[in-house]
């Protein structure tokens, strides 16, 4: 199907929203489920939109047995995301045909209305729809012309009328701000404006002075800012090749920027300046990468973020020393906050960092102990405890607490309000990572395919397998787990994967992660209700929902 088709446009839009605005997708899925929606467009393309848990799934092609079927011609497409018009004006004669039970049709309408109100303010969505329009000039007309008659097919701020009302409205709004980075809040770099403030929606004509945020762009900006700080912290002197260049290796490899974003956004959500949280975020990243180097040695991992692990490339000696150096520089980075944040906040940061590190080494010890004893726990809660300690604290909980401390919040009771929400979100995130190690593409996941099985990691899938399988299968799986890493073959890992599939372990893990993530989102809204609704809290909300919409 051509990329300029309306069905492909829908697929791309939902795909972008799933990673850039997870809260929007989760809300829309809640309206649509359990309805299967068949969509037929005027250009002859077709798609099926359905909800699974908090995800929206698009399947290209004609619907079979859809609960609701909708036909759009070009006039209806022109109005789809245009909130200047009342719904009755979108029902043009012979332009829009809808078939299905009344309750299902209304639910479908609510889903699309929510997408229209909340999603259209995202710059990436606008870009997709502009490019779609520019590729289909025979359907939508020539692209608008800039002053002086120069054609700009992908112009961001054309001044001529395009014939697409919503695009024209967005074009004429605040063009000067577009590419300016906000000094205090880097997540506001995208100048698209949303009609949604997290609670209520408004018409285009009543758009508030609130700039939208894009989670992927937000994390990219926060990560870039923290990487610049790390680059300034690590010296450029000898021994370069044996130490300081190696210290830059893991931090510079592609990552999401989740910890940096949580630290900076939490600081800003409490009324602090984003710049006050940069050093704390850099310290967390230094600790994280130091832990990763040591973990890779302990786990005998071969790949990290798409490249050879440090001990495989440089040898165990240099890798251990580099991990030690990253941890040392992390401590010094925390202490360097003293002139800027003062004694009380710096002491609170030290306390939080020590607690984070203690939780991490305890979690690592639990997992390594299971592997050494060739033991697989019976209860999921044992995995929850290990995962929370090993990765949950330094990935989700501690970055939030550190960001709040940077803004001046040191009350333990108020800091504890982050714990349960982000504990649940962190566990769900880790389960999804474990699933991706088994079923994801290595190029996208960044680790050795089936590496967790070769390393003998005790994941939810392995726990479910040992809990559900017959005695013969359990004995064979225990035999594979008992082999040293060097003696395990790819065939052993594939055999265990087939057993997991046979006993439903992967499906079980995906469903469990989804339930935990939803509980985390509910706790987020309840426990953090005291925080004012602002752009920074909106970023935290997007992170909370990211786990529920993350493609698997």
Protein backbone atom coordinates (compact mmCIF):
# COMPACT_ATOMS: atom_id res chain seq x y z
CA UNK A 1 0.00 0.00 0.00
CA UNK A 2 1.47 3.42 -0.92
CA UNK A 3 2.70 5.56 1.94
CA UNK A 4 0.49 8.43 0.77
CA UNK A 5 -2.71 6.43 1.32
CA UNK A 6 -5.09 7.49 4.08
CA UNK A 7 -4.90 4.04 5.70
CA UNK A 8 -1.12 4.22 5.87
CA UNK A 9 -1.42 7.73 7.28
CA UNK A 10 -3.62 6.39 10.07
CA UNK A 11 -1.12 3.62 10.81
CA UNK A 12 1.78 6.07 10.98
CA UNK A 13 -0.17 8.52 13.13
CA UNK A 14 -1.12 5.91 15.72
CA UNK A 15 2.45 4.57 15.69
CA UNK A 16 3.90 8.01 16.41
CA UNK A 17 1.33 8.75 19.10
CA UNK A 18 2.07 5.46 20.85
CA UNK A 19 5.61 6.57 21.64
CA UNK A 20 5.24 10.36 21.66
CA UNK A 21 1.96 10.84 23.50
CA UNK A 22 1.14 7.62 25.35
CA UNK A 23 -1.49 9.23 27.58
CA UNK A 24 -3.53 10.16 24.50
CA UNK A 25 -3.40 6.63 23.08
CA UNK A 26 -4.34 5.09 26.43
CA UNK A 27 -7.36 7.39 26.76
CA UNK A 28 -8.51 6.75 23.18
CA UNK A 29 -8.11 2.98 23.60
CA UNK A 30 -10.24 3.17 26.71
CA UNK A 31 -13.05 4.71 24.66
CA UNK A 32 -12.76 2.27 21.75
CA UNK A 33 -12.36 -1.09 23.52
CA UNK A 34 -13.64 -3.71 22.76
CA UNK A 35 -14.87 -2.41 19.38
CA UNK A 36 -13.19 -3.32 16.09
CA UNK A 37 -13.51 -0.36 13.73
CA UNK A 38 -13.32 -0.83 9.97
CA UNK A 39 -12.27 2.31 8.10
CA UNK A 40 -12.71 2.82 4.34
CA UNK A 41 -11.24 5.90 2.71
CA UNK A 42 -12.01 7.79 -0.46
CA UNK A 43 -8.65 6.87 -1.99
CA UNK A 44 -9.59 3.17 -1.92
CA UNK A 45 -7.44 2.21 1.08
CA UNK A 46 -8.78 0.36 4.12
CA UNK A 47 -7.73 -0.23 7.74
CA UNK A 48 -8.99 -1.77 10.96
CA UNK A 49 -8.51 0.10 14.25
CA UNK A 50 -8.82 -1.87 17.49
CA UNK A 51 -7.79 -1.51 21.11
CA UNK A 52 -5.87 -4.06 23.12
CA UNK A 53 -5.55 -3.03 26.76
CA UNK A 54 -4.17 0.53 26.46
CA UNK A 55 -2.79 0.12 22.95
CA UNK A 56 -4.33 1.12 19.64
CA UNK A 57 -3.57 -1.35 16.87
CA UNK A 58 -3.92 -0.62 13.15
CA UNK A 59 -4.19 -3.43 10.60
CA UNK A 60 -4.09 -2.46 6.93
CA UNK A 61 -6.71 -4.01 4.68
CA UNK A 62 -10.46 -4.58 4.63
CA UNK A 63 -12.29 -5.29 7.85
CA UNK A 64 -13.81 -8.70 8.49
CA UNK A 65 -16.54 -8.76 11.08
CA UNK A 66 -15.91 -5.21 12.30
CA UNK A 67 -18.35 -3.88 14.92
CA UNK A 68 -18.44 -0.44 13.31
CA UNK A 69 -17.64 0.48 9.72
CA UNK A 70 -16.95 4.04 8.61
CA UNK A 71 -16.48 5.44 5.12
CA UNK A 72 -14.73 8.80 4.65
CA UNK A 73 -14.52 10.67 1.40
CA UNK A 74 -12.10 13.54 0.85
CA UNK A 75 -14.46 16.16 2.28
CA UNK A 76 -14.75 14.28 5.57
CA UNK A 77 -10.98 13.76 5.70
CA UNK A 78 -10.59 17.51 5.35
CA UNK A 79 -12.60 18.01 8.53
CA UNK A 80 -11.44 15.02 10.57
CA UNK A 81 -9.06 16.89 12.87
CA UNK A 82 -10.67 20.31 12.50
CA UNK A 83 -12.19 21.27 15.83
CA UNK A 84 -13.36 24.65 14.55
CA UNK A 85 -16.51 22.94 13.32
CA UNK A 86 -19.33 21.45 15.33
CA UNK A 87 -19.85 17.67 14.79
CA UNK A 88 -23.05 18.21 12.82
CA UNK A 89 -21.10 20.09 10.14
CA UNK A 90 -18.91 17.05 9.54
CA UNK A 91 -21.88 14.93 8.48
CA UNK A 92 -21.89 16.02 4.87
CA UNK A 93 -24.38 14.39 2.52
CA UNK A 94 -22.95 11.26 0.83
CA UNK A 95 -19.59 12.04 2.42
CA UNK A 96 -19.57 10.03 5.63
CA UNK A 97 -21.25 6.67 6.10
CA UNK A 98 -21.27 4.96 9.49
CA UNK A 99 -22.73 1.53 10.26
CA UNK A 100 -22.95 -0.26 13.58
CA UNK A 101 -24.84 -0.48 16.85
CA UNK A 102 -25.67 2.87 18.39
CA UNK A 103 -23.52 2.38 21.52
CA UNK A 104 -20.55 1.23 19.42
CA UNK A 105 -20.87 4.16 17.02
CA UNK A 106 -20.95 6.62 19.91
CA UNK A 107 -17.89 4.99 21.49
CA UNK A 108 -16.08 5.27 18.16
CA UNK A 109 -17.05 8.91 17.93
CA UNK A 110 -15.67 9.58 21.44
CA UNK A 111 -12.40 7.88 20.51
CA UNK A 112 -11.90 10.05 17.41
CA UNK A 113 -13.06 13.20 19.14
CA UNK A 114 -10.46 12.61 21.87
CA UNK A 115 -7.74 12.03 19.28
CA UNK A 116 -8.78 15.20 17.47
CA UNK A 117 -8.76 17.33 20.61
CA UNK A 118 -5.54 16.06 22.07
CA UNK A 119 -3.36 14.64 19.31
CA UNK A 120 -3.53 17.30 16.64
CA UNK A 121 -1.43 19.73 18.68
CA UNK A 122 1.63 17.48 18.40
CA UNK A 123 4.11 18.70 15.81
CA UNK A 124 4.90 15.19 14.57
CA UNK A 125 1.24 14.54 13.81
CA UNK A 126 1.02 17.83 11.95
CA UNK A 127 4.15 16.92 9.98
CA UNK A 128 2.76 13.53 8.96
CA UNK A 129 -0.49 15.03 7.75
CA UNK A 130 1.29 17.82 5.87
CA UNK A 131 3.51 15.34 4.07
CA UNK A 132 0.49 13.20 3.23
CA UNK A 133 -1.20 16.26 1.75
CA UNK A 134 1.90 17.25 -0.21
CA UNK A 135 2.17 13.75 -1.77
CA UNK A 136 -1.46 13.82 -2.92
CA UNK A 137 -1.72 17.08 -4.82
CA UNK A 138 -4.24 15.53 -7.20
CA UNK A 139 -6.58 15.06 -4.24
CA UNK A 140 -5.80 18.08 -2.07
CA UNK A 141 -4.43 20.64 -4.52
CA UNK A 142 -1.01 22.21 -4.83
CA UNK A 143 0.90 23.02 -1.61
CA UNK A 144 0.54 26.59 -0.38
CA UNK A 145 2.94 29.25 -1.56
CA UNK A 146 5.09 31.42 0.63
CA UNK A 147 5.28 35.21 0.14
CA UNK A 148 6.86 36.00 -3.22
CA UNK A 149 5.41 32.91 -4.89
CA UNK A 150 8.00 30.35 -3.76
CA UNK A 151 6.45 26.90 -3.43
CA UNK A 152 7.16 25.20 -0.14
CA UNK A 153 5.58 21.75 -0.18
CA UNK A 154 6.71 20.92 3.34
CA UNK A 155 6.67 24.42 4.75
CA UNK A 156 5.91 24.61 8.43
CA UNK A 157 4.39 28.03 8.39
CA UNK A 158 2.89 28.78 5.00
CA UNK A 159 0.89 32.00 4.95
CA UNK A 160 -1.40 31.13 2.06
CA UNK A 161 -4.62 29.23 2.65
CA UNK A 162 -4.06 25.51 2.14
CA UNK A 163 -7.72 24.57 1.91
CA UNK A 164 -7.30 22.44 5.02
CA UNK A 165 -8.83 24.53 7.78
CA UNK A 166 -7.05 22.97 10.75
CA UNK A 167 -3.64 23.33 9.06
CA UNK A 168 -4.31 26.94 8.19
CA UNK A 169 -5.24 27.67 11.78
CA UNK A 170 -2.07 26.07 13.12
CA UNK A 171 0.08 27.86 10.53
CA UNK A 172 -1.11 31.29 11.57
CA UNK A 173 -0.47 30.75 15.25
CA UNK A 174 2.70 31.99 16.94
CA UNK A 175 5.17 31.13 14.14
CA UNK A 176 8.08 33.00 15.73
CA UNK A 177 8.30 30.61 18.67
CA UNK A 178 8.65 27.46 16.61
CA UNK A 179 12.33 26.56 16.70
CA UNK A 180 13.34 28.36 19.86
CA UNK A 181 14.41 26.20 22.80
CA UNK A 182 12.80 27.22 26.07
CA UNK A 183 15.59 28.01 28.54
CA UNK A 184 13.84 26.65 31.59
CA UNK A 185 11.99 23.69 30.10
CA UNK A 186 13.62 21.87 27.17
CA UNK A 187 10.51 19.72 26.62
CA UNK A 188 8.71 22.80 25.24
CA UNK A 189 10.85 22.91 22.12
CA UNK A 190 7.95 21.71 19.98
CA UNK A 191 5.79 24.77 19.44
CA UNK A 192 2.61 22.94 18.52
CA UNK A 193 -0.18 23.84 20.90
CA UNK A 194 -2.57 21.32 22.36
CA UNK A 195 -6.19 21.94 23.24
CA UNK A 196 -5.84 19.51 26.10
CA UNK A 197 -4.49 20.46 29.54
CA UNK A 198 -4.79 16.99 31.02
CA UNK A 199 -8.32 17.52 32.27
CA UNK A 200 -10.46 19.44 29.79
CA UNK A 201 -10.58 20.17 26.06
CA UNK A 202 -11.34 23.46 24.31
CA UNK A 203 -12.28 24.58 20.83
CA UNK A 204 -9.55 25.86 18.50
CA UNK A 205 -10.77 29.40 18.99
CA UNK A 206 -10.36 29.09 22.75
CA UNK A 207 -6.89 27.53 22.71
CA UNK A 208 -5.04 28.30 25.97
CA UNK A 209 -1.51 29.65 26.10
CA UNK A 210 -0.11 26.18 26.82
CA UNK A 211 2.49 24.53 24.63
CA UNK A 212 2.25 20.84 23.92
CA UNK A 213 4.92 18.28 24.71
CA UNK A 214 6.17 15.31 22.73
CA UNK A 215 7.59 12.58 24.97
CA UNK A 216 10.22 11.38 22.51
CA UNK A 217 11.40 14.92 21.76
CA UNK A 218 11.33 15.68 25.48
CA UNK A 219 13.50 12.70 26.38
CA UNK A 220 15.83 13.43 23.47
CA UNK A 221 16.30 17.04 24.62
CA UNK A 222 16.82 16.09 28.28
CA UNK A 223 19.25 13.33 27.40
CA UNK A 224 21.25 15.65 25.13
CA UNK A 225 21.50 18.26 27.88
CA UNK A 226 22.70 15.68 30.41
CA UNK A 227 25.22 14.20 27.94
CA UNK A 228 26.70 17.68 27.47
CA UNK A 229 27.07 17.90 31.24
CA UNK A 230 28.75 14.49 31.40
CA UNK A 231 31.11 15.49 28.58
CA UNK A 232 32.14 18.52 30.63
CA UNK A 233 32.62 16.43 33.79
CA UNK A 234 34.90 13.74 32.32
CA UNK A 235 38.43 15.14 31.80
CA UNK A 236 40.17 15.19 28.44
CA UNK A 237 43.60 14.20 29.68
CA UNK A 238 45.71 11.10 29.97
CA UNK A 239 45.14 8.24 30.31
CA UNK A 240 42.57 8.81 27.56
CA UNK A 241 42.51 5.52 25.69
CA UNK A 242 42.61 3.41 28.85
CA UNK A 243 40.15 5.42 30.98
CA UNK A 244 38.52 8.71 30.01
CA UNK A 245 37.56 7.73 26.46
CA UNK A 246 36.12 4.49 27.85
CA UNK A 247 34.09 6.45 30.43
CA UNK A 248 32.36 8.24 27.56
CA UNK A 249 31.57 5.00 25.71
CA UNK A 250 28.45 3.65 27.43
CA UNK A 251 26.82 7.06 28.13
CA UNK A 252 27.20 8.01 24.46
CA UNK A 253 25.49 4.84 23.19
CA UNK A 254 21.90 5.27 22.12
CA UNK A 255 19.47 5.39 25.04
CA UNK A 256 15.97 6.62 25.83
CA UNK A 257 16.81 9.42 28.26
CA UNK A 258 14.16 8.22 30.71
CA UNK A 259 16.11 8.88 33.92
CA UNK A 260 17.21 12.34 32.83
CA UNK A 261 13.66 13.24 31.83
CA UNK A 262 12.16 12.06 35.13
CA UNK A 263 14.73 14.01 37.15
CA UNK A 264 14.37 17.26 35.22
CA UNK A 265 10.58 17.08 34.82
CA UNK A 266 10.02 16.31 38.52
CA UNK A 267 12.17 19.27 39.51
CA UNK A 268 10.18 21.56 37.22
CA UNK A 269 6.85 20.10 38.35
CA UNK A 270 7.73 21.24 41.88
CA UNK A 271 8.43 24.78 40.71
CA UNK A 272 12.20 24.38 40.39
CA UNK A 273 14.40 25.38 37.49
CA UNK A 274 15.26 22.62 35.06
CA UNK A 275 18.93 23.62 35.19
CA UNK A 276 19.02 22.91 38.94
CA UNK A 277 18.45 19.20 38.23
CA UNK A 278 21.08 18.72 35.50
CA UNK A 279 23.91 17.64 37.79
CA UNK A 280 21.72 15.21 39.71
CA UNK A 281 20.51 13.72 36.41
CA UNK A 282 24.12 13.44 35.21
CA UNK A 283 25.09 11.66 38.44
CA UNK A 284 22.30 9.10 37.96
CA UNK A 285 23.48 8.45 34.40
CA UNK A 286 27.08 8.00 35.55
CA UNK A 287 25.99 5.54 38.24
CA UNK A 288 23.74 3.75 35.74
CA UNK A 289 26.48 3.24 33.19
CA UNK A 290 28.96 2.16 35.85
CA UNK A 291 26.43 -0.44 37.02
CA UNK A 292 25.87 -1.59 33.45
CA UNK A 293 29.56 -2.24 32.85
CA UNK A 294 29.81 -4.30 36.04
CA UNK A 295 26.49 -6.06 35.35
CA UNK A 296 27.65 -7.05 31.88
CA UNK A 297 30.71 -8.69 33.42
CA UNK A 298 28.64 -10.48 36.08
CA UNK A 299 26.08 -11.64 33.50
CA UNK A 300 28.72 -12.49 30.86
CA UNK A 301 26.75 -10.36 28.38
CA UNK A 302 28.16 -9.92 24.90
CA UNK A 303 26.23 -6.87 23.62
CA UNK A 304 24.93 -3.63 25.07
CA UNK A 305 22.93 -1.10 23.03
CA UNK A 306 23.88 -2.69 19.75
CA UNK A 307 27.64 -2.88 20.39
CA UNK A 308 30.04 -5.25 22.08
CA UNK A 309 30.06 -4.93 25.87
CA UNK A 310 33.09 -3.19 27.30
CA UNK A 311 34.69 -6.26 28.83
CA UNK A 312 34.34 -8.08 25.49
CA UNK A 313 35.94 -5.20 23.60
CA UNK A 314 38.53 -3.99 26.14
CA UNK A 315 39.03 -6.85 28.57
CA UNK A 316 37.72 -7.36 32.10
CA UNK A 317 40.45 -5.31 33.81
CA UNK A 318 39.84 -2.07 31.93
CA UNK A 319 36.06 -2.59 32.11
CA UNK A 320 36.06 -2.99 35.92
CA UNK A 321 38.26 0.07 36.32
CA UNK A 322 36.04 2.16 34.02
CA UNK A 323 32.93 1.16 35.96
CA UNK A 324 34.67 2.12 39.21
CA UNK A 325 35.66 5.48 37.73
CA UNK A 326 32.10 6.22 36.58
CA UNK A 327 30.81 5.55 40.10
CA UNK A 328 33.52 7.75 41.62
CA UNK A 329 32.74 10.64 39.26
CA UNK A 330 29.04 10.21 40.02
CA UNK A 331 29.69 10.80 43.73
CA UNK A 332 31.75 13.87 42.93
CA UNK A 333 28.99 15.14 40.62
CA UNK A 334 26.45 14.93 43.45
CA UNK A 335 28.77 16.84 45.79
CA UNK A 336 29.32 19.52 43.14
CA UNK A 337 25.73 20.69 43.70
CA UNK A 338 26.77 22.31 46.98
CA UNK A 339 27.57 25.83 45.63
CA UNK A 340 24.37 25.97 43.58
CA UNK A 341 21.77 24.15 45.68
CA UNK A 342 23.15 24.69 49.17
CA UNK A 343 23.98 22.34 52.02
CA UNK A 344 20.47 21.04 52.88
CA UNK A 345 19.51 19.98 49.36
CA UNK A 346 22.96 18.53 48.65
CA UNK A 347 22.86 16.42 51.82
CA UNK A 348 19.39 15.22 50.84
CA UNK A 349 20.72 14.29 47.38
CA UNK A 350 23.57 12.30 48.97
CA UNK A 351 21.07 10.46 51.16
CA UNK A 352 18.91 9.60 48.15
CA UNK A 353 21.88 8.47 46.06
CA UNK A 354 23.23 6.20 48.82
CA UNK A 355 19.80 4.61 49.23
CA UNK A 356 19.52 4.11 45.45
CA UNK A 357 22.91 2.40 45.28
CA UNK A 358 22.15 0.15 48.26
CA UNK A 359 18.88 -0.99 46.68
CA UNK A 360 20.66 -1.68 43.40
CA UNK A 361 23.45 -3.84 44.80
CA UNK A 362 20.92 -5.75 46.93
CA UNK A 363 18.81 -6.50 43.85
CA UNK A 364 21.87 -7.62 41.90
CA UNK A 365 22.87 -9.89 44.77
CA UNK A 366 19.41 -11.52 44.84
CA UNK A 367 19.48 -12.27 41.11
CA UNK A 368 23.07 -13.54 41.09
CA UNK A 369 22.23 -15.73 44.09
CA UNK A 370 19.33 -17.33 42.21
CA UNK A 371 21.57 -18.02 39.23
CA UNK A 372 24.40 -19.43 41.34
CA UNK A 373 22.04 -21.78 43.21
CA UNK A 374 20.18 -22.65 39.97
CA UNK A 375 16.99 -21.61 41.74
CA UNK A 376 13.86 -20.25 40.08
CA UNK A 377 11.46 -18.54 42.50
CA UNK A 378 7.85 -19.64 42.54
CA UNK A 379 6.11 -16.32 43.17
CA UNK A 380 5.94 -13.28 40.91
CA UNK A 381 6.35 -11.08 43.97
CA UNK A 382 9.91 -12.38 44.37
CA UNK A 383 10.67 -11.08 40.88
CA UNK A 384 8.92 -7.80 41.74
CA UNK A 385 11.19 -7.32 44.75
CA UNK A 386 14.37 -8.14 42.83
CA UNK A 387 13.41 -5.99 39.82
CA UNK A 388 12.45 -3.02 41.99
CA UNK A 389 15.74 -3.17 43.84
CA UNK A 390 17.99 -3.89 40.86
CA UNK A 391 16.56 -1.44 38.33
CA UNK A 392 13.36 0.15 39.62
CA UNK A 393 14.99 2.50 42.06
CA UNK A 394 17.66 3.98 39.80
CA UNK A 395 15.48 3.91 36.67
CA UNK A 396 12.19 5.35 37.96
CA UNK A 397 11.83 6.03 41.69
CA UNK A 398 15.12 7.72 42.57
CA UNK A 399 15.20 10.07 39.54
CA UNK A 400 11.80 11.43 40.62
CA UNK A 401 12.86 11.82 44.25
CA UNK A 402 16.15 13.47 43.23
CA UNK A 403 14.35 15.92 40.96
CA UNK A 404 11.99 16.89 43.77
CA UNK A 405 14.94 17.41 46.12
CA UNK A 406 16.62 19.66 43.54
CA UNK A 407 13.50 21.86 43.66
CA UNK A 408 13.72 22.06 47.46
CA UNK A 409 11.36 19.25 48.50
CA UNK A 410 13.01 17.28 51.32
CA UNK A 411 9.98 16.10 53.31
CA UNK A 412 10.30 12.27 53.36
CA UNK A 413 6.52 11.77 53.39
CA UNK A 414 6.05 13.84 50.24
CA UNK A 415 9.01 12.18 48.51
CA UNK A 416 7.53 8.78 49.34
CA UNK A 417 4.48 9.65 47.23
CA UNK A 418 6.53 8.78 44.15
CA UNK A 419 7.43 5.31 45.41
CA UNK A 420 4.43 3.11 44.74
CA UNK A 421 3.38 4.61 41.40
CA UNK A 422 6.85 4.40 39.92
CA UNK A 423 7.58 1.06 41.58
CA UNK A 424 4.68 -0.43 39.63
CA UNK A 425 5.62 1.43 36.46
CA UNK A 426 9.26 0.34 36.83
CA UNK A 427 8.35 -3.34 37.23
CA UNK A 428 6.06 -3.19 34.20
CA UNK A 429 8.79 -1.49 32.19
CA UNK A 430 11.33 -4.17 33.15
CA UNK A 431 8.94 -7.02 32.30
CA UNK A 432 8.42 -5.45 28.88
CA UNK A 433 12.20 -5.21 28.41
CA UNK A 434 12.47 -8.89 29.32
CA UNK A 435 9.78 -9.71 26.73
CA UNK A 436 11.53 -7.64 24.08
CA UNK A 437 14.74 -9.57 24.70
CA UNK A 438 12.85 -12.67 23.59
CA UNK A 439 10.64 -11.38 20.78
CA UNK A 440 12.05 -7.96 19.80
CA UNK A 441 14.44 -7.14 17.00
CA UNK A 442 18.05 -7.07 18.19
CA UNK A 443 18.78 -3.90 16.21
CA UNK A 444 15.97 -2.12 18.05
CA UNK A 445 16.40 -3.72 21.46
CA UNK A 446 20.18 -3.23 21.52
CA UNK A 447 21.13 -6.48 23.28
CA UNK A 448 22.09 -9.96 22.19
CA UNK A 449 19.04 -11.83 20.92
CA UNK A 450 17.83 -14.27 23.62
CA UNK A 451 20.68 -13.00 25.80
CA UNK A 452 18.56 -13.20 28.96
CA UNK A 453 18.02 -16.93 28.40
CA UNK A 454 21.70 -17.53 27.76
CA UNK A 455 22.53 -15.60 30.94
CA UNK A 456 19.88 -17.48 32.92
CA UNK A 457 18.02 -14.37 34.07
CA UNK A 458 15.05 -15.15 36.29
CA UNK A 459 12.31 -13.28 34.45
CA UNK A 460 8.55 -13.47 34.93
CA UNK A 461 8.44 -15.71 31.86
CA UNK A 462 10.87 -18.18 33.39
CA UNK A 463 9.03 -18.14 36.72
CA UNK A 464 5.72 -18.81 34.95
CA UNK A 465 7.30 -21.59 32.88
CA UNK A 466 8.66 -23.44 35.92
CA UNK A 467 5.37 -22.92 37.74
CA UNK A 468 3.23 -24.19 34.86
CA UNK A 469 5.27 -26.85 33.08
CA UNK A 470 5.24 -30.59 33.66
CA UNK A 471 8.02 -32.25 35.69
CA UNK A 472 9.94 -33.42 32.62
CA UNK A 473 10.00 -29.95 31.06
CA UNK A 474 11.04 -28.36 34.36
CA UNK A 475 13.91 -30.81 34.70
CA UNK A 476 15.14 -30.06 31.19
CA UNK A 477 14.87 -26.29 31.73
CA UNK A 478 16.77 -26.60 35.03
CA UNK A 479 19.47 -28.54 33.17
CA UNK A 480 19.83 -25.68 30.67
CA UNK A 481 19.92 -23.08 33.45
CA UNK A 482 22.62 -25.05 35.23
CA UNK A 483 25.03 -24.87 32.31
CA UNK A 484 27.80 -22.24 32.52
CA UNK A 485 27.28 -19.31 30.17
CA UNK A 486 30.21 -20.38 27.99
CA UNK A 487 28.66 -23.82 27.40
CA UNK A 488 25.17 -22.62 26.52
CA UNK A 489 24.27 -22.65 22.85
CA UNK A 490 21.74 -20.70 20.85
CA UNK A 491 19.83 -23.97 20.44
CA UNK A 492 19.44 -24.18 24.24
CA UNK A 493 17.99 -20.69 24.40
CA UNK A 494 15.62 -21.42 21.52
CA UNK A 495 14.47 -24.60 23.22
CA UNK A 496 13.60 -22.66 26.37
CA UNK A 497 11.84 -19.99 24.31
CA UNK A 498 9.68 -22.65 22.63
CA UNK A 499 8.78 -24.02 26.05
CA UNK A 500 7.80 -20.55 27.23
CA UNK A 501 5.60 -20.12 24.19
CA UNK A 502 4.03 -23.55 24.69
CA UNK A 503 3.05 -22.80 28.29
CA UNK A 504 1.89 -19.22 27.57
CA UNK A 505 4.66 -17.51 29.53
CA UNK A 506 5.12 -14.59 27.15
CA UNK A 507 1.42 -13.80 26.91
CA UNK A 508 1.21 -14.06 30.68
CA UNK A 509 4.07 -11.59 31.10
CA UNK A 510 2.58 -9.06 28.66
CA UNK A 511 -0.78 -9.16 30.45
CA UNK A 512 0.90 -8.87 33.86
CA UNK A 513 2.96 -5.86 32.77
CA UNK A 514 -0.19 -4.19 31.48
CA UNK A 515 -2.03 -4.72 34.78
CA UNK A 516 0.90 -3.37 36.79
CA UNK A 517 1.24 -0.35 34.53
CA UNK A 518 -2.45 0.49 34.89
CA UNK A 519 -2.16 0.26 38.66
CA UNK A 520 0.86 2.55 38.46
CA UNK A 521 -1.06 5.13 36.41
CA UNK A 522 -3.91 5.10 38.95
CA UNK A 523 -1.46 5.58 41.80
CA UNK A 524 0.22 8.40 39.88
CA UNK A 525 -3.05 10.33 39.60
CA UNK A 526 -3.95 9.68 43.23
CA UNK A 527 -0.61 10.07 44.99
CA UNK A 528 0.60 13.07 42.97
CA UNK A 529 -2.69 14.97 42.88
CA UNK A 530 -1.07 17.63 45.08
CA UNK A 531 1.22 18.67 42.20
CA UNK A 532 -0.19 21.51 40.05
CA UNK A 533 -1.17 20.71 36.47
CA UNK A 534 1.72 22.11 34.43
CA UNK A 535 3.84 21.11 31.45
CA UNK A 536 6.31 19.24 33.63
CA UNK A 537 3.66 17.14 35.35
CA UNK A 538 2.22 16.42 31.90
CA UNK A 539 5.60 14.93 30.96
CA UNK A 540 5.55 12.71 34.06
CA UNK A 541 2.04 11.59 33.12
CA UNK A 542 3.21 10.71 29.61
CA UNK A 543 6.03 8.61 31.07
CA UNK A 544 3.54 6.82 33.34
CA UNK A 545 1.38 5.98 30.32
CA UNK A 546 4.33 5.08 28.08
CA UNK A 547 4.48 1.63 29.65
CA UNK A 548 0.82 0.96 28.85
CA UNK A 549 1.14 1.89 25.15
CA UNK A 550 4.70 0.74 24.39
CA UNK A 551 4.73 -1.45 21.27
CA UNK A 552 5.74 -5.05 21.98
